[in-house]
Protein backbone atom coordinates (compact mmCIF):
# COMPACT_ATOMS: atom_id res chain seq x y z
CA MET A 1 0.00 0.00 0.00
CA THR A 2 1.19 3.51 -0.79
CA THR A 3 -0.21 6.98 -0.17
CA GLN A 4 -1.41 8.55 -3.40
CA TYR A 5 -1.40 12.28 -4.09
CA ASN A 6 -3.04 14.59 -6.60
CA VAL A 7 -0.56 16.98 -8.25
CA VAL A 8 -2.16 20.43 -8.46
CA ALA A 9 -1.23 23.87 -9.83
CA ILE A 10 -3.45 26.96 -9.74
CA LEU A 11 -3.30 29.87 -12.20
CA PRO A 12 -5.25 32.75 -10.57
CA GLY A 13 -7.74 34.62 -12.75
CA THR A 14 -8.34 38.36 -12.98
CA ASP A 15 -12.08 38.21 -12.24
CA PRO A 16 -13.03 36.70 -8.86
CA ASN A 17 -16.62 36.27 -10.09
CA ALA A 18 -15.66 34.24 -13.16
CA GLY A 19 -15.30 30.92 -11.34
CA TRP A 20 -12.70 28.17 -11.66
CA LEU A 21 -12.07 25.86 -14.60
CA ILE A 22 -10.62 22.46 -13.64
CA ILE A 23 -8.41 20.75 -16.24
CA GLY A 24 -7.44 17.25 -15.21
CA ALA A 25 -6.11 13.85 -16.23
CA HIS A 26 -5.30 10.77 -14.19
CA TYR A 27 -1.65 9.68 -13.96
CA ASP A 28 -2.11 6.18 -12.58
CA SER A 29 -2.24 3.17 -14.89
CA VAL A 30 -2.77 -0.56 -14.58
CA GLY A 31 -1.53 -3.45 -16.66
CA GLY A 32 -3.52 -6.34 -15.29
CA ALA A 33 -5.51 -6.95 -12.16
CA LEU A 34 -6.22 -3.76 -10.24
CA GLU A 35 -4.73 -5.16 -7.05
CA ASP A 36 -1.45 -6.11 -8.78
CA ALA A 37 1.01 -3.27 -8.06
CA THR A 38 3.91 -5.00 -9.84
CA SER A 39 2.39 -5.64 -13.29
CA TYR A 40 3.80 -3.87 -16.34
CA ALA A 41 1.54 -0.86 -16.95
CA PRO A 42 2.98 1.62 -19.48
CA GLY A 43 -0.34 3.44 -19.92
CA ALA A 44 0.75 5.59 -22.87
CA VAL A 45 -2.71 6.34 -24.26
CA ASP A 46 -4.50 5.67 -20.95
CA ASN A 47 -3.47 8.05 -19.67
CA ALA A 48 -0.02 9.49 -20.26
CA SER A 49 -1.56 11.22 -23.28
CA GLY A 50 -3.98 13.08 -20.99
CA VAL A 51 -1.31 14.00 -18.44
CA GLY A 52 1.03 15.23 -21.18
CA ALA A 53 -1.80 17.39 -22.50
CA VAL A 54 -2.46 18.92 -19.08
CA ILE A 55 1.24 19.74 -18.63
CA GLU A 56 1.46 21.36 -22.07
CA LEU A 57 -1.77 23.28 -21.54
CA ALA A 58 -0.42 24.56 -18.22
CA ARG A 59 2.79 25.68 -19.90
CA VAL A 60 0.99 27.56 -22.68
CA LEU A 61 -1.81 29.07 -20.59
CA SER A 62 0.57 30.24 -17.84
CA GLN A 63 2.18 32.69 -20.28
CA HIS A 64 -0.81 35.04 -19.90
CA GLN A 65 -3.43 36.02 -17.36
CA HIS A 66 -7.00 34.85 -17.89
CA ARG A 67 -10.38 36.00 -16.66
CA SER A 68 -11.16 32.74 -14.85
CA THR A 69 -8.95 30.88 -12.41
CA ILE A 70 -7.57 27.62 -13.84
CA LEU A 71 -6.72 24.62 -11.69
CA PHE A 72 -4.53 22.01 -13.40
CA VAL A 73 -4.49 18.58 -11.79
CA ALA A 74 -2.96 15.16 -12.35
CA PHE A 75 -5.31 12.83 -10.49
CA SER A 76 -4.18 9.83 -8.50
CA ALA A 77 -6.12 6.59 -8.10
CA GLU A 78 -8.58 7.01 -10.95
CA GLU A 79 -8.24 3.30 -11.65
CA GLN A 80 -9.13 2.65 -7.99
CA GLY A 81 -12.61 4.14 -8.06
CA ARG A 82 -11.75 7.79 -8.83
CA ARG A 83 -10.40 8.39 -5.34
CA GLY A 84 -8.19 11.29 -6.37
CA SER A 85 -10.87 13.24 -8.21
CA ILE A 86 -13.45 12.54 -5.50
CA ALA A 87 -11.06 14.06 -2.97
CA LEU A 88 -10.52 17.22 -5.06
CA ALA A 89 -14.21 17.66 -5.88
CA SER A 90 -15.04 17.33 -2.18
CA TRP A 91 -12.34 19.89 -1.31
CA LEU A 92 -13.80 22.40 -3.77
CA GLU A 93 -17.34 21.78 -2.52
CA GLU A 94 -16.37 22.18 1.13
CA ARG A 95 -14.79 25.56 0.38
CA GLU A 96 -17.78 26.66 -1.73
CA ILE A 97 -15.54 27.45 -4.68
CA SER A 98 -17.50 28.38 -7.80
CA VAL A 99 -16.56 25.82 -10.47
CA MET A 100 -17.52 26.98 -13.97
CA GLY A 101 -16.58 23.62 -15.44
CA MET A 102 -14.30 20.60 -15.41
CA ILE A 103 -12.52 19.06 -18.42
CA ASN A 104 -11.30 15.48 -18.01
CA ILE A 105 -8.70 14.59 -20.64
CA ASP A 106 -8.46 10.83 -20.81
CA GLY A 107 -7.08 8.99 -23.84
CA ILE A 108 -6.42 11.39 -26.75
CA GLY A 109 -3.43 9.94 -28.60
CA ASN A 110 -4.60 7.21 -30.95
CA VAL A 111 -6.70 7.10 -34.14
CA ASP A 112 -7.29 3.35 -34.60
CA SER A 113 -10.12 1.12 -33.45
CA PHE A 114 -10.24 -2.53 -32.39
CA THR A 115 -11.37 -3.32 -35.95
CA SER A 116 -8.58 -1.29 -37.63
CA SER A 117 -10.77 1.59 -38.76
CA ILE A 118 -9.23 5.06 -38.46
CA ASN A 119 -10.71 8.34 -37.26
CA ASP A 120 -8.14 11.14 -37.25
CA SER A 121 -10.61 14.04 -37.50
CA GLU A 122 -12.75 13.88 -34.33
CA LEU A 123 -12.74 13.81 -30.55
CA ARG A 124 -15.64 12.53 -28.44
CA ILE A 125 -17.22 14.47 -25.57
CA PHE A 126 -18.99 12.55 -22.83
CA SER A 127 -21.22 14.27 -20.28
CA ALA A 128 -23.87 13.45 -17.72
CA GLY A 129 -27.47 13.86 -18.83
CA PRO A 130 -30.29 14.72 -18.92
CA GLU A 131 -30.42 17.09 -21.87
CA ASN A 132 -30.89 20.14 -19.64
CA SER A 133 -28.01 19.29 -17.30
CA PRO A 134 -25.09 21.72 -16.87
CA SER A 135 -22.66 19.03 -18.04
CA ARG A 136 -24.55 18.35 -21.28
CA GLN A 137 -24.72 22.09 -21.94
CA MET A 138 -20.95 22.36 -21.43
CA ALA A 139 -20.49 19.57 -23.98
CA ARG A 140 -22.72 21.39 -26.47
CA SER A 141 -20.75 24.62 -25.89
CA ALA A 142 -17.50 22.81 -26.72
CA GLU A 143 -19.03 21.26 -29.85
CA LEU A 144 -20.32 24.64 -31.02
CA MET A 145 -16.89 26.20 -30.46
CA SER A 146 -15.21 23.46 -32.50
CA PHE A 147 -17.59 24.22 -35.37
CA GLN A 148 -17.40 28.01 -34.99
CA TYR A 149 -13.61 28.12 -34.97
CA SER A 150 -12.99 25.28 -37.46
CA LEU A 151 -10.71 23.55 -34.98
CA PRO A 152 -8.20 20.90 -36.11
CA LEU A 153 -10.52 18.20 -34.72
CA ARG A 154 -14.30 18.28 -34.57
CA LEU A 155 -15.76 17.62 -31.12
CA ILE A 156 -18.64 15.14 -31.18
CA VAL A 157 -21.19 15.11 -28.35
CA GLU A 158 -22.05 11.61 -27.15
CA ASP A 159 -25.41 10.82 -25.53
CA ALA A 160 -23.78 9.27 -22.45
CA ILE A 161 -21.68 10.13 -19.44
CA ASP A 162 -19.09 7.60 -20.68
CA ARG A 163 -18.77 4.36 -22.61
CA GLU A 164 -20.92 1.53 -21.30
CA ALA A 165 -19.74 0.21 -17.91
CA ARG A 166 -16.83 2.67 -17.87
CA TYR A 167 -16.11 5.76 -15.82
CA GLY A 168 -13.77 8.73 -15.54
CA ASP A 169 -12.80 11.56 -13.22
CA HIS A 170 -15.51 13.86 -14.62
CA PHE A 171 -18.05 11.70 -12.74
CA SER A 172 -16.71 13.06 -9.45
CA PHE A 173 -17.63 16.61 -10.48
CA SER A 174 -20.91 16.13 -12.33
CA GLU A 175 -22.33 14.10 -9.44
CA ARG A 176 -21.85 17.22 -7.29
CA GLY A 177 -23.66 19.41 -9.81
CA TYR A 178 -20.56 20.91 -11.46
CA PRO A 179 -20.50 21.04 -15.28
CA ALA A 180 -18.02 18.36 -16.32
CA ILE A 181 -17.04 16.66 -19.57
CA ARG A 182 -14.67 13.93 -20.69
CA ILE A 183 -12.76 14.55 -23.92
CA MET A 184 -11.22 11.49 -25.57
CA GLN A 185 -10.19 10.11 -28.93
CA ALA A 186 -12.84 8.98 -31.41
CA ASN A 187 -11.59 5.38 -31.57
CA GLU A 188 -10.10 2.93 -29.07
CA GLU A 189 -7.48 0.39 -30.05
CA LYS A 190 -6.46 -0.72 -26.57
CA HIS A 191 -8.56 -2.21 -23.78
CA ASN A 192 -8.26 -0.77 -20.30
CA ALA A 193 -5.26 -2.19 -18.38
CA ASP A 194 -3.57 -3.38 -21.58
CA PRO A 195 0.16 -3.97 -20.94
CA THR A 196 0.85 -3.23 -24.64
CA ASP A 197 -0.41 0.37 -24.29
CA THR A 198 3.00 1.80 -25.19
CA ILE A 199 4.21 4.99 -26.84
CA ASP A 200 4.37 3.19 -30.19
CA TYR A 201 0.61 3.60 -30.42
CA ILE A 202 0.63 7.38 -29.95
CA GLU A 203 -0.11 9.17 -33.23
CA ALA A 204 1.87 12.41 -32.90
CA GLY A 205 -0.05 14.49 -35.45
CA TYR A 206 -3.44 13.55 -34.06
CA TYR A 207 -2.23 14.10 -30.50
CA GLN A 208 -1.01 17.59 -31.39
CA HIS A 209 -4.34 18.44 -33.03
CA ALA A 210 -6.23 17.13 -30.00
CA VAL A 211 -4.31 19.37 -27.60
CA GLN A 212 -4.71 22.37 -29.92
CA SER A 213 -8.46 21.80 -30.14
CA ILE A 214 -8.84 21.46 -26.38
CA LEU A 215 -6.76 24.63 -25.89
CA ALA A 216 -9.10 26.63 -28.13
CA VAL A 217 -12.13 25.47 -26.11
CA ILE A 218 -10.38 26.37 -22.86
CA LEU A 219 -9.50 29.87 -24.09
CA SER A 220 -13.14 30.54 -24.96
CA LEU A 221 -14.23 29.36 -21.52
CA VAL A 222 -11.66 31.31 -19.50
CA ASP A 223 -11.28 34.46 -21.65
CA GLY A 224 -14.64 34.75 -23.40
CA PRO A 225 -17.43 36.75 -21.74
CA LEU A 226 -19.60 35.24 -19.04
CA PRO A 227 -22.91 33.71 -20.22
CA PRO A 228 -25.88 36.10 -20.58
CA ARG A 229 -28.38 36.06 -17.73
CA ASN A 230 -32.18 36.24 -17.48
CA ILE A 231 -33.00 34.97 -20.96
CA VAL A 232 -36.73 35.38 -21.64
CA LEU A 233 -38.92 34.74 -24.68
CA ARG A 234 -41.87 37.13 -25.02
CA ARG A 235 -44.65 36.15 -27.41
CA HIS A 236 -46.66 38.69 -29.38
CA ASP A 237 -50.09 38.50 -31.00
CA ASN A 238 -48.68 39.03 -34.52
CA GLY A 239 -46.82 35.68 -34.44
CA LEU A 240 -43.46 37.19 -33.62
CA SER A 241 -41.58 36.48 -30.41
CA THR A 242 -38.85 38.53 -28.77
CA LEU A 243 -35.88 36.76 -27.21
CA ILE A 244 -34.23 39.11 -24.74
CA TRP A 245 -31.43 38.89 -22.15
CA GLU A 246 -29.33 41.13 -19.96
CA PRO A 247 -26.40 42.82 -21.74
CA VAL A 248 -22.96 41.38 -20.96
CA GLY A 249 -20.04 43.71 -20.37
CA ALA A 250 -17.00 43.55 -22.68
CA SER A 251 -19.07 41.96 -25.45
CA ASN A 252 -19.83 43.34 -28.89
CA SER A 253 -22.26 40.70 -30.15
CA TYR A 254 -24.19 37.59 -29.14
CA ALA A 255 -24.47 34.10 -30.62
CA VAL A 256 -27.97 32.61 -30.48
CA ALA A 257 -27.98 28.79 -30.77
CA LEU A 258 -31.09 26.76 -31.60
CA ARG A 259 -31.69 23.04 -31.06
CA HIS A 260 -34.34 20.82 -32.67
CA SER A 261 -36.20 18.13 -30.78
CA GLY A 262 -34.13 14.96 -30.61
CA SER A 263 -30.86 16.71 -31.46
CA LEU A 264 -27.86 16.47 -29.13
CA VAL A 265 -26.29 19.65 -30.50
CA TYR A 266 -27.33 23.02 -31.86
CA ASP A 267 -28.64 22.86 -35.41
CA GLN A 268 -28.57 26.57 -36.19
CA MET A 269 -26.76 29.64 -34.91
CA PHE A 270 -26.89 33.32 -35.77
CA VAL A 271 -25.11 36.38 -34.42
CA THR A 272 -26.71 39.66 -33.40
CA ALA A 273 -25.25 42.93 -32.14
CA GLU A 274 -28.27 43.58 -29.89
CA ASN A 275 -29.37 41.86 -26.69
CA SER A 276 -32.76 40.99 -28.19
CA VAL A 277 -34.10 39.30 -31.33
CA ASP A 278 -37.58 39.45 -32.94
CA TRP A 279 -38.44 36.31 -34.93
CA ASP A 280 -41.34 34.05 -35.80
CA GLY A 281 -39.27 30.84 -35.92
CA PHE A 282 -38.39 30.20 -32.29
CA SER A 283 -41.29 27.77 -31.87
CA ASP A 284 -39.61 25.33 -34.29
CA TYR A 285 -37.00 24.52 -31.64
CA VAL A 286 -36.99 22.93 -28.20
CA GLY A 287 -33.87 24.61 -26.87
CA ILE A 288 -32.46 28.11 -27.19
CA ALA A 289 -29.14 29.25 -25.74
CA VAL A 290 -27.17 32.47 -25.95
CA ALA A 291 -23.43 33.16 -25.64
CA ALA A 292 -21.72 36.53 -25.58
CA VAL A 293 -18.91 37.27 -28.04
CA GLY A 294 -16.20 39.46 -26.54
CA THR A 295 -14.37 42.42 -27.97
CA ASN A 296 -11.42 40.01 -28.29
CA GLY A 297 -13.48 37.90 -30.72
CA LEU A 298 -13.86 34.95 -28.36
CA MET A 299 -17.27 33.39 -27.85
CA GLY A 300 -17.86 32.60 -24.19
CA PRO A 301 -19.78 29.60 -22.85
CA LEU A 302 -23.45 29.19 -23.63
CA ALA A 303 -25.99 30.01 -20.95
CA LEU A 304 -28.23 27.17 -19.83
CA GLU A 305 -30.97 26.49 -22.34
CA TYR A 306 -34.28 28.29 -22.46
CA GLU A 307 -36.59 25.29 -22.87
CA MET A 308 -39.45 25.93 -25.27
CA GLN A 309 -41.57 22.95 -24.22
CA ASP A 310 -42.03 24.44 -20.77
CA HIS A 311 -43.41 27.78 -22.01
């Protein structure tokens, strides 16, 4: 038995009201039975690729100040029931720290599948449901950013908190009500605890694109404007409706995202310079969300959805 530790670094933000973004990856790995501490467990994809990404993101992001505080963490004991991330999430909750979101980077270095198919153009995002949960909305925000900015890899929202019968450190945060997502490669070539998970299976170009794509999402979250508040839809007798929200400081426009029934992501988006929109087409959608676009050109996170079926 050994004592396990999380490795944590904090980059303070400039706005104390902007909340904290947690960027984490687990550094433990297994190569056989969980209780076997002597088995060969290289863990290159699962999860040296995630830890390497967190270290590089910390290096790049620490060169500048950001609006939100960023906590970088290498989690211990993820393979032993998420003990490291449970401890950190509990610590944050006990201190009533406002967590704007958590990104779990777990397995982002390989493009091949068990059946030898290749996907070198996408990353998957897993998040806890239901559709109106903060975690699912964070996943949709990341997907919209990947589309808006034409990132090196497209982020694909999955309708699940993780793969079947699997788990990750984002569970420890979403179960406490914090928005949390897992970002991982589109395909999986290695089973969990595979002793052949070596660096030979890391695809350098894909890995670089994955880290670049995650960095772009992070920058929007920590440097883009805060989400608009008090979004309301007012209906008029002439068939038009007015969508209105409170203005957001340091923004010069707003992105309005619209989601059809049955869709995991936003199907349409338009940009307006005003904090209100008159339109007769809002009733065609079940979900409406608004994000502010800053004077720096960054789109911030989407506000929680205005749900049409309830109004």
